Amino acid sequence: MIYTVQVKRNYSEYEDYTTIDAYFQGSERQFNTQEQAVAYLNTFEDWEQDLLCIDLFPF
């Protein structure tokens, strides 16, 4: 399984993620374990964590 830390999106056609994407550019990462992904997510400040999420890809 692959865990990714990435920008949280709700896929609304009315939302503009340009600023958020620019701010987090290069920050999205992939990990082999959930613990690694959580540890990486915890390196961000609380307000930044609210804009990020961990997704699971069962490959």
PDB file of N, CA and C in Angstrom:
ATOM      1  N   MET A   1       0.832  -1.179   0.000  1.00  0.00           N
ATOM      2  CA  MET A   1       0.000   0.000   0.000  1.00  0.00           C
ATOM      3  C   MET A   1       0.881   1.248   0.000  1.00  0.00           C
ATOM      4  N   ILE A   2       0.374   2.272  -0.622  1.00  0.00           N
ATOM      5  CA  ILE A   2       1.072   3.553  -0.709  1.00  0.00           C
ATOM      6  C   ILE A   2       0.212   4.605   0.001  1.00  0.00           C
ATOM      7  N   TYR A   3       0.826   5.334   0.905  1.00  0.00           N
ATOM      8  CA  TYR A   3       0.178   6.440   1.604  1.00  0.00           C
ATOM      9  C   TYR A   3       0.756   7.741   1.063  1.00  0.00           C
ATOM     10  N   THR A   4      -0.106   8.650   0.685  1.00  0.00           N
ATOM     11  CA  THR A   4       0.372   9.929   0.168  1.00  0.00           C
ATOM     12  C   THR A   4      -0.128  11.065   1.052  1.00  0.00           C
ATOM     13  N   VAL A   5       0.745  12.006   1.305  1.00  0.00           N
ATOM     14  CA  VAL A   5       0.362  13.255   1.963  1.00  0.00           C
ATOM     15  C   VAL A   5       0.215  14.264   0.838  1.00  0.00           C
ATOM     16  N   GLN A   6      -0.985  14.820   0.715  1.00  0.00           N
ATOM     17  CA  GLN A   6      -1.253  15.725  -0.389  1.00  0.00           C
ATOM     18  C   GLN A   6      -2.247  16.797   0.022  1.00  0.00           C
ATOM     19  N   VAL A   7      -2.424  17.776  -0.834  1.00  0.00           N
ATOM     20  CA  VAL A   7      -3.359  18.866  -0.577  1.00  0.00           C
ATOM     21  C   VAL A   7      -4.773  18.301  -0.560  1.00  0.00           C
ATOM     22  N   LYS A   8      -5.526  18.686   0.469  1.00  0.00           N
ATOM     23  CA  LYS A   8      -6.911  18.240   0.620  1.00  0.00           C
ATOM     24  C   LYS A   8      -7.760  18.961  -0.422  1.00  0.00           C
ATOM     25  N   ARG A   9      -8.583  18.220  -1.099  1.00  0.00           N
ATOM     26  CA  ARG A   9      -9.454  18.804  -2.126  1.00  0.00           C
ATOM     27  C   ARG A   9     -10.872  18.261  -1.952  1.00  0.00           C
ATOM     28  N   ASN A  10     -11.840  19.111  -2.207  1.00  0.00           N
ATOM     29  CA  ASN A  10     -13.221  18.633  -2.206  1.00  0.00           C
ATOM     30  C   ASN A  10     -13.787  18.623  -3.624  1.00  0.00           C
ATOM     31  N   TYR A  11     -12.957  18.965  -4.586  1.00  0.00           N
ATOM     32  CA  TYR A  11     -13.285  18.892  -6.014  1.00  0.00           C
ATOM     33  C   TYR A  11     -14.482  19.729  -6.417  1.00  0.00           C
ATOM     34  N   SER A  12     -14.653  20.847  -5.750  1.00  0.00           N
ATOM     35  CA  SER A  12     -15.700  21.784  -6.137  1.00  0.00           C
ATOM     36  C   SER A  12     -15.211  22.600  -7.331  1.00  0.00           C
ATOM     37  N   GLU A  13     -16.061  22.762  -8.290  1.00  0.00           N
ATOM     38  CA  GLU A  13     -15.669  23.536  -9.468  1.00  0.00           C
ATOM     39  C   GLU A  13     -15.482  25.009  -9.129  1.00  0.00           C
ATOM     40  N   TYR A  14     -15.943  25.428  -7.966  1.00  0.00           N
ATOM     41  CA  TYR A  14     -15.841  26.829  -7.578  1.00  0.00           C
ATOM     42  C   TYR A  14     -14.602  27.131  -6.738  1.00  0.00           C
ATOM     43  N   GLU A  15     -13.853  26.115  -6.359  1.00  0.00           N
ATOM     44  CA  GLU A  15     -12.678  26.323  -5.519  1.00  0.00           C
ATOM     45  C   GLU A  15     -11.443  26.531  -6.387  1.00  0.00           C
ATOM     46  N   ASP A  16     -10.598  27.441  -5.974  1.00  0.00           N
ATOM     47  CA  ASP A  16      -9.351  27.710  -6.680  1.00  0.00           C
ATOM     48  C   ASP A  16      -8.195  27.281  -5.782  1.00  0.00           C
ATOM     49  N   TYR A  17      -7.460  26.283  -6.204  1.00  0.00           N
ATOM     50  CA  TYR A  17      -6.361  25.742  -5.405  1.00  0.00           C
ATOM     51  C   TYR A  17      -5.007  26.309  -5.809  1.00  0.00           C
ATOM     52  N   THR A  18      -4.975  27.316  -6.658  1.00  0.00           N
ATOM     53  CA  THR A  18      -3.716  27.851  -7.155  1.00  0.00           C
ATOM     54  C   THR A  18      -2.802  28.299  -6.022  1.00  0.00           C
ATOM     55  N   THR A  19      -3.306  29.062  -5.089  1.00  0.00           N
ATOM     56  CA  THR A  19      -2.495  29.562  -3.977  1.00  0.00           C
ATOM     57  C   THR A  19      -2.053  28.428  -3.072  1.00  0.00           C
ATOM     58  N   ILE A  20      -2.963  27.523  -2.754  1.00  0.00           N
ATOM     59  CA  ILE A  20      -2.631  26.392  -1.884  1.00  0.00           C
ATOM     60  C   ILE A  20      -1.600  25.497  -2.556  1.00  0.00           C
ATOM     61  N   ASP A  21      -1.795  25.202  -3.840  1.00  0.00           N
ATOM     62  CA  ASP A  21      -0.834  24.377  -4.580  1.00  0.00           C
ATOM     63  C   ASP A  21       0.538  25.031  -4.622  1.00  0.00           C
ATOM     64  N   ALA A  22       0.562  26.343  -4.822  1.00  0.00           N
ATOM     65  CA  ALA A  22       1.842  27.059  -4.869  1.00  0.00           C
ATOM     66  C   ALA A  22       2.530  27.004  -3.511  1.00  0.00           C
ATOM     67  N   TYR A  23       1.767  27.166  -2.444  1.00  0.00           N
ATOM     68  CA  TYR A  23       2.340  27.154  -1.100  1.00  0.00           C
ATOM     69  C   TYR A  23       2.947  25.786  -0.774  1.00  0.00           C
ATOM     70  N   PHE A  24       2.244  24.717  -1.135  1.00  0.00           N
ATOM     71  CA  PHE A  24       2.691  23.363  -0.807  1.00  0.00           C
ATOM     72  C   PHE A  24       3.481  22.697  -1.938  1.00  0.00           C
ATOM     73  N   GLN A  25       3.862  23.452  -2.950  1.00  0.00           N
ATOM     74  CA  GLN A  25       4.597  22.888  -4.077  1.00  0.00           C
ATOM     75  C   GLN A  25       5.831  22.132  -3.580  1.00  0.00           C
ATOM     76  N   GLY A  26       5.929  20.892  -3.988  1.00  0.00           N
ATOM     77  CA  GLY A  26       7.061  20.055  -3.598  1.00  0.00           C
ATOM     78  C   GLY A  26       6.906  19.387  -2.247  1.00  0.00           C
ATOM     79  N   SER A  27       5.797  19.621  -1.564  1.00  0.00           N
ATOM     80  CA  SER A  27       5.585  19.055  -0.232  1.00  0.00           C
ATOM     81  C   SER A  27       4.864  17.713  -0.253  1.00  0.00           C
ATOM     82  N   GLU A  28       4.181  17.404  -1.338  1.00  0.00           N
ATOM     83  CA  GLU A  28       3.438  16.146  -1.402  1.00  0.00           C
ATOM     84  C   GLU A  28       4.426  14.989  -1.495  1.00  0.00           C
ATOM     85  N   ARG A  29       4.195  13.970  -0.664  1.00  0.00           N
ATOM     86  CA  ARG A  29       5.113  12.835  -0.578  1.00  0.00           C
ATOM     87  C   ARG A  29       4.356  11.515  -0.514  1.00  0.00           C
ATOM     88  N   GLN A  30       5.057  10.431  -0.880  1.00  0.00           N
ATOM     89  CA  GLN A  30       4.515   9.079  -0.791  1.00  0.00           C
ATOM     90  C   GLN A  30       5.317   8.283   0.226  1.00  0.00           C
ATOM     91  N   PHE A  31       4.603   7.413   0.975  1.00  0.00           N
ATOM     92  CA  PHE A  31       5.231   6.595   2.002  1.00  0.00           C
ATOM     93  C   PHE A  31       4.706   5.174   1.941  1.00  0.00           C
ATOM     94  N   ASN A  32       5.495   4.233   2.456  1.00  0.00           N
ATOM     95  CA  ASN A  32       5.107   2.828   2.470  1.00  0.00           C
ATOM     96  C   ASN A  32       4.268   2.464   3.679  1.00  0.00           C
ATOM     97  N   THR A  33       4.318   3.260   4.746  1.00  0.00           N
ATOM     98  CA  THR A  33       3.532   2.972   5.944  1.00  0.00           C
ATOM     99  C   THR A  33       2.749   4.198   6.370  1.00  0.00           C
ATOM    100  N   GLN A  34       1.644   3.947   7.059  1.00  0.00           N
ATOM    101  CA  GLN A  34       0.822   5.035   7.559  1.00  0.00           C
ATOM    102  C   GLN A  34       1.580   5.821   8.628  1.00  0.00           C
ATOM    103  N   GLU A  35       2.383   5.143   9.424  1.00  0.00           N
ATOM    104  CA  GLU A  35       3.144   5.815  10.474  1.00  0.00           C
ATOM    105  C   GLU A  35       4.105   6.856   9.886  1.00  0.00           C
ATOM    106  N   GLN A  36       4.741   6.515   8.772  1.00  0.00           N
ATOM    107  CA  GLN A  36       5.643   7.467   8.114  1.00  0.00           C
ATOM    108  C   GLN A  36       4.869   8.677   7.603  1.00  0.00           C
ATOM    109  N   ALA A  37       3.708   8.427   7.011  1.00  0.00           N
ATOM    110  CA  ALA A  37       2.883   9.515   6.478  1.00  0.00           C
ATOM    111  C   ALA A  37       2.398  10.435   7.601  1.00  0.00           C
ATOM    112  N   VAL A  38       1.974   9.854   8.719  1.00  0.00           N
ATOM    113  CA  VAL A  38       1.508  10.649   9.857  1.00  0.00           C
ATOM    114  C   VAL A  38       2.659  11.465  10.435  1.00  0.00           C
ATOM    115  N   ALA A  39       3.832  10.849  10.556  1.00  0.00           N
ATOM    116  CA  ALA A  39       5.002  11.561  11.080  1.00  0.00           C
ATOM    117  C   ALA A  39       5.341  12.750  10.188  1.00  0.00           C
ATOM    118  N   TYR A  40       5.271  12.567   8.881  1.00  0.00           N
ATOM    119  CA  TYR A  40       5.552  13.669   7.951  1.00  0.00           C
ATOM    120  C   TYR A  40       4.485  14.761   8.071  1.00  0.00           C
ATOM    121  N   LEU A  41       3.224  14.359   8.129  1.00  0.00           N
ATOM    122  CA  LEU A  41       2.134  15.324   8.262  1.00  0.00           C
ATOM    123  C   LEU A  41       2.299  16.141   9.545  1.00  0.00           C
ATOM    124  N   ASN A  42       2.781  15.517  10.596  1.00  0.00           N
ATOM    125  CA  ASN A  42       2.956  16.205  11.874  1.00  0.00           C
ATOM    126  C   ASN A  42       4.101  17.215  11.864  1.00  0.00           C
ATOM    127  N   THR A  43       4.924  17.212  10.815  1.00  0.00           N
ATOM    128  CA  THR A  43       5.996  18.210  10.720  1.00  0.00           C
ATOM    129  C   THR A  43       5.455  19.575  10.298  1.00  0.00           C
ATOM    130  N   PHE A  44       4.210  19.612   9.848  1.00  0.00           N
ATOM    131  CA  PHE A  44       3.575  20.864   9.443  1.00  0.00           C
ATOM    132  C   PHE A  44       2.860  21.491  10.635  1.00  0.00           C
ATOM    133  N   GLU A  45       2.669  22.785  10.585  1.00  0.00           N
ATOM    134  CA  GLU A  45       1.929  23.484  11.623  1.00  0.00           C
ATOM    135  C   GLU A  45       0.451  23.089  11.553  1.00  0.00           C
ATOM    136  N   ASP A  46      -0.286  23.319  12.652  1.00  0.00           N
ATOM    137  CA  ASP A  46      -1.688  22.902  12.725  1.00  0.00           C
ATOM    138  C   ASP A  46      -2.527  23.455  11.574  1.00  0.00           C
ATOM    139  N   TRP A  47      -2.361  24.738  11.264  1.00  0.00           N
ATOM    140  CA  TRP A  47      -3.179  25.331  10.209  1.00  0.00           C
ATOM    141  C   TRP A  47      -2.821  24.732   8.851  1.00  0.00           C
ATOM    142  N   GLU A  48      -1.566  24.315   8.668  1.00  0.00           N
ATOM    143  CA  GLU A  48      -1.158  23.678   7.419  1.00  0.00           C
ATOM    144  C   GLU A  48      -1.734  22.271   7.326  1.00  0.00           C
ATOM    145  N   GLN A  49      -1.763  21.565   8.456  1.00  0.00           N
ATOM    146  CA  GLN A  49      -2.303  20.209   8.474  1.00  0.00           C
ATOM    147  C   GLN A  49      -3.770  20.192   8.074  1.00  0.00           C
ATOM    148  N   ASP A  50      -4.493  21.269   8.382  1.00  0.00           N
ATOM    149  CA  ASP A  50      -5.903  21.356   7.995  1.00  0.00           C
ATOM    150  C   ASP A  50      -6.087  21.391   6.481  1.00  0.00           C
ATOM    151  N   LEU A  51      -5.041  21.765   5.757  1.00  0.00           N
ATOM    152  CA  LEU A  51      -5.117  21.846   4.292  1.00  0.00           C
ATOM    153  C   LEU A  51      -4.567  20.600   3.608  1.00  0.00           C
ATOM    154  N   LEU A  52      -4.047  19.659   4.391  1.00  0.00           N
ATOM    155  CA  LEU A  52      -3.449  18.436   3.851  1.00  0.00           C
ATOM    156  C   LEU A  52      -4.239  17.214   4.300  1.00  0.00           C
ATOM    157  N   CYS A  53      -4.047  16.102   3.610  1.00  0.00           N
ATOM    158  CA  CYS A  53      -4.672  14.855   4.006  1.00  0.00           C
ATOM    159  C   CYS A  53      -3.746  13.696   3.628  1.00  0.00           C
ATOM    160  N   ILE A  54      -4.042  12.543   4.195  1.00  0.00           N
ATOM    161  CA  ILE A  54      -3.333  11.320   3.857  1.00  0.00           C
ATOM    162  C   ILE A  54      -4.299  10.443   3.076  1.00  0.00           C
ATOM    163  N   ASP A  55      -3.913  10.060   1.866  1.00  0.00           N
ATOM    164  CA  ASP A  55      -4.718   9.169   1.047  1.00  0.00           C
ATOM    165  C   ASP A  55      -4.033   7.815   0.945  1.00  0.00           C
ATOM    166  N   LEU A  56      -4.831   6.787   0.812  1.00  0.00           N
ATOM    167  CA  LEU A  56      -4.335   5.421   0.723  1.00  0.00           C
ATOM    168  C   LEU A  56      -4.595   4.868  -0.675  1.00  0.00           C
ATOM    169  N   PHE A  57      -3.560   4.325  -1.282  1.00  0.00           N
ATOM    170  CA  PHE A  57      -3.680   3.669  -2.582  1.00  0.00           C
ATOM    171  C   PHE A  57      -3.281   2.208  -2.408  1.00  0.00           C
ATOM    172  N   PRO A  58      -4.212   1.273  -2.505  1.00  0.00           N
ATOM    173  CA  PRO A  58      -3.916  -0.140  -2.244  1.00  0.00           C
ATOM    174  C   PRO A  58      -3.297  -0.859  -3.439  1.00  0.00           C
ATOM    175  N   PHE A  59      -2.155  -0.406  -3.890  1.00  0.00           N
ATOM    176  CA  PHE A  59      -1.488  -1.047  -5.032  1.00  0.00           C
ATOM    177  C   PHE A  59      -0.604  -2.151  -4.533  1.00  0.00           C
TER     178      PHE A  59
END
